C-alpha atoms as a PDB file:
ATOM      1  CA  MET A   1       0.450  -4.874  -5.397  1.00  0.00           C
ATOM      2  CA  HIS A   2       0.989  -1.194  -6.922  1.00  0.00           C
ATOM      3  CA  LEU A   3       3.247   2.015  -6.481  1.00  0.00           C
ATOM      4  CA  VAL A   4       2.057   5.180  -6.290  1.00  0.00           C
ATOM      5  CA  VAL A   5       5.278   7.611  -7.909  1.00  0.00           C
ATOM      6  CA  ILE A   6       5.586  11.499  -7.757  1.00  0.00           C
ATOM      7  CA  ARG A   7       8.144  13.041  -9.364  1.00  0.00           C
ATOM      8  CA  ARG A   8      11.203  14.277  -7.742  1.00  0.00           C
ATOM      9  CA  ASP A   9      10.847  17.536  -8.658  1.00  0.00           C
ATOM     10  CA  ILE A  10       6.968  17.842  -7.998  1.00  0.00           C
ATOM     11  CA  TYR A  11       7.493  16.396  -3.873  1.00  0.00           C
ATOM     12  CA  GLU A  12      10.635  19.333  -3.955  1.00  0.00           C
ATOM     13  CA  ARG A  13       8.854  22.471  -5.079  1.00  0.00           C
ATOM     14  CA  HIS A  14       5.419  20.548  -3.098  1.00  0.00           C
ATOM     15  CA  PRO A  15       6.190  18.044  -1.015  1.00  0.00           C
ATOM     16  CA  PHE A  16       2.467  17.832   1.155  1.00  0.00           C
ATOM     17  CA  VAL A  17       2.011  16.457  -2.046  1.00  0.00           C
ATOM     18  CA  ALA A  18       2.989  12.624  -0.497  1.00  0.00           C
ATOM     19  CA  THR A  19       0.938  13.678   2.543  1.00  0.00           C
ATOM     20  CA  SER A  20      -1.962  14.460   0.987  1.00  0.00           C
ATOM     21  CA  LEU A  21      -1.822  11.148  -1.327  1.00  0.00           C
ATOM     22  CA  TYR A  22      -1.174   9.103   1.128  1.00  0.00           C
ATOM     23  CA  LYS A  23      -4.101  10.453   3.002  1.00  0.00           C
ATOM     24  CA  ALA A  24      -6.355  10.867  -0.207  1.00  0.00           C
ATOM     25  CA  LEU A  25      -5.262   6.629  -1.204  1.00  0.00           C
ATOM     26  CA  GLY A  26      -5.989   5.562   2.255  1.00  0.00           C
ATOM     27  CA  ALA A  27      -9.991   7.373   2.473  1.00  0.00           C
ATOM     28  CA  ALA A  28     -10.514   5.810  -0.601  1.00  0.00           C
ATOM     29  CA  LYS A  29      -9.335   2.571   0.161  1.00  0.00           C
ATOM     30  CA  SER A  30     -11.251   2.693   3.858  1.00  0.00           C
ATOM     31  CA  LEU A  31     -14.562   3.061   1.867  1.00  0.00           C
ATOM     32  CA  ALA A  32     -14.255   0.356  -0.491  1.00  0.00           C
ATOM     33  CA  MET A  33     -13.599  -1.655   2.213  1.00  0.00           C
ATOM     34  CA  ALA A  34     -16.402  -0.856   3.434  1.00  0.00           C
ATOM     35  CA  LYS A  35     -18.892  -1.063   0.778  1.00  0.00           C
ATOM     36  CA  MET A  36     -17.113  -4.176   0.113  1.00  0.00           C
ATOM     37  CA  ARG A  37     -18.354  -5.724   3.984  1.00  0.00           C
ATOM     38  CA  SER A  38     -21.871  -3.999   3.600  1.00  0.00           C
ATOM     39  CA  GLY A  39     -24.527  -6.360   4.305  1.00  0.00           C
ATOM     40  CA  VAL A  40     -27.098  -4.706   2.371  1.00  0.00           C
ATOM     41  CA  SER A  41     -26.563  -6.000  -0.654  1.00  0.00           C
ATOM     42  CA  LEU A  42     -23.043  -7.934  -2.298  1.00  0.00           C
ATOM     43  CA  ARG A  43     -21.009  -4.660  -3.385  1.00  0.00           C
ATOM     44  CA  TYR A  44     -19.674  -7.404  -6.255  1.00  0.00           C
ATOM     45  CA  MET A  45     -20.806 -10.350  -7.879  1.00  0.00           C
ATOM     46  CA  LEU A  46     -19.454 -13.220  -6.048  1.00  0.00           C
ATOM     47  CA  PRO A  47     -21.932 -14.640  -4.339  1.00  0.00           C
ATOM     48  CA  TRP A  48     -19.560 -16.508  -1.490  1.00  0.00           C
ATOM     49  CA  LEU A  49     -18.070 -12.147  -0.818  1.00  0.00           C
ATOM     50  CA  GLY A  50     -18.825 -12.906   2.734  1.00  0.00           C
ATOM     51  CA  SER A  51     -17.125 -16.040   3.673  1.00  0.00           C
ATOM     52  CA  GLU A  52     -13.516 -14.679   1.045  1.00  0.00           C
ATOM     53  CA  ILE A  53     -14.342 -11.508   3.599  1.00  0.00           C
ATOM     54  CA  GLU A  54     -14.024 -14.153   6.800  1.00  0.00           C
ATOM     55  CA  GLU A  55     -11.167 -16.062   5.464  1.00  0.00           C
ATOM     56  CA  ILE A  56      -9.237 -12.599   4.490  1.00  0.00           C
ATOM     57  CA  ASP A  57      -9.571 -10.521   7.905  1.00  0.00           C
ATOM     58  CA  ALA A  58      -8.274 -14.467   9.621  1.00  0.00           C
ATOM     59  CA  VAL A  59      -5.706 -14.209   6.399  1.00  0.00           C
ATOM     60  CA  PHE A  60      -3.621 -10.697   6.198  1.00  0.00           C
ATOM     61  CA  ALA A  61      -5.872  -9.285   9.276  1.00  0.00           C
ATOM     62  CA  GLY A  62      -8.831  -8.084   8.009  1.00  0.00           C
ATOM     63  CA  ASP A  63      -6.174  -5.590   5.143  1.00  0.00           C
ATOM     64  CA  ALA A  64      -4.450  -7.785   1.847  1.00  0.00           C
ATOM     65  CA  PHE A  65      -3.274  -4.745   0.699  1.00  0.00           C
ATOM     66  CA  PRO A  66      -1.358  -2.478   3.361  1.00  0.00           C
ATOM     67  CA  TYR A  67      -0.347   0.319   2.505  1.00  0.00           C
ATOM     68  CA  GLY A  68       2.968   2.214   3.594  1.00  0.00           C
ATOM     69  CA  VAL A  69       6.694   1.052   3.934  1.00  0.00           C
ATOM     70  CA  GLY A  70       5.938   0.274   7.716  1.00  0.00           C
ATOM     71  CA  PRO A  71       3.888  -2.902   6.406  1.00  0.00           C
ATOM     72  CA  ASN A  72       5.500  -3.355   3.540  1.00  0.00           C
ATOM     73  CA  ARG A  73       8.617  -3.510   4.841  1.00  0.00           C
ATOM     74  CA  ALA A  74       9.655  -6.802   4.583  1.00  0.00           C
ATOM     75  CA  THR A  75       8.925  -7.055   1.085  1.00  0.00           C
ATOM     76  CA  LEU A  76      10.676  -3.600   0.148  1.00  0.00           C
ATOM     77  CA  GLU A  77      13.970  -5.156   1.500  1.00  0.00           C
ATOM     78  CA  ALA A  78      13.278  -8.678  -0.462  1.00  0.00           C
ATOM     79  CA  LEU A  79      12.763  -6.722  -3.777  1.00  0.00           C
ATOM     80  CA  VAL A  80      15.873  -4.445  -2.957  1.00  0.00           C
ATOM     81  CA  ARG A  81      18.055  -7.789  -2.153  1.00  0.00           C
ATOM     82  CA  TYR A  82      16.618  -9.838  -5.513  1.00  0.00           C
ATOM     83  CA  LEU A  83      17.575  -6.949  -7.573  1.00  0.00           C
ATOM     84  CA  HIS A  84      20.579  -6.240  -5.898  1.00  0.00           C
ATOM     85  CA  ASP A  85      21.356 -10.398  -6.678  1.00  0.00           C
ATOM     86  CA  GLN A  86      20.379 -10.413 -10.622  1.00  0.00           C
ATOM     87  CA  LYS A  87      22.311  -8.024 -11.027  1.00  0.00           C
ATOM     88  CA  LEU A  88      19.315  -5.435 -11.553  1.00  0.00           C
ATOM     89  CA  ILE A  89      21.123  -2.614  -9.648  1.00  0.00           C
ATOM     90  CA  ALA A  90      25.003  -1.537  -8.622  1.00  0.00           C
ATOM     91  CA  LYS A  91      23.967  -2.383  -4.875  1.00  0.00           C
ATOM     92  CA  PRO A  92      21.373  -2.050  -2.139  1.00  0.00           C
ATOM     93  CA  MET A  93      19.481   1.175  -0.806  1.00  0.00           C
ATOM     94  CA  LYS A  94      17.714   1.852   1.790  1.00  0.00           C
ATOM     95  CA  ILE A  95      14.099   1.072   2.237  1.00  0.00           C
ATOM     96  CA  ASP A  96      13.056   4.762   3.402  1.00  0.00           C
ATOM     97  CA  ASP A  97      16.007   6.602   1.127  1.00  0.00           C
ATOM     98  CA  LEU A  98      13.648   5.349  -1.812  1.00  0.00           C
ATOM     99  CA  PHE A  99      10.232   7.382  -0.736  1.00  0.00           C
ATOM    100  CA  ALA A 100       9.252  10.451   0.925  1.00  0.00           C
ATOM    101  CA  PRO A 101       8.757  10.033   4.257  1.00  0.00           C
ATOM    102  CA  ILE A 102       4.698   9.994   5.963  1.00  0.00           C
ATOM    103  CA  PRO A 103       4.028  11.442   9.084  1.00  0.00           C
ATOM    104  CA  VAL A 104       3.187   8.341  11.466  1.00  0.00           C
ATOM    105  CA  HIS A 105      -0.316  10.095  12.480  1.00  0.00           C
ATOM    106  CA  SER A 106      -1.752  10.296   8.853  1.00  0.00           C
END
């Protein structure tokens, strides 16, 4: 849905920024999901929120917006393929070359 970009010069000077940002966004997402699922009161003005959450869990295994290259690899590969097919890029790129490496246990 969204992509966060770090300028190359910043990443090259401070490579920890990628991991720190990834962890911070993951923590924020977890907090938001926990608050949305709280049974104390509705977090959002959607009277059928409980049913919607159940459907999200069923359809998307509880995560409609997965973070990271791994869970999004097929979509990213399709995007690169479409960009090349439509002549928007000269040649296909390797997905791993487009993103800063994030340790597996982040």
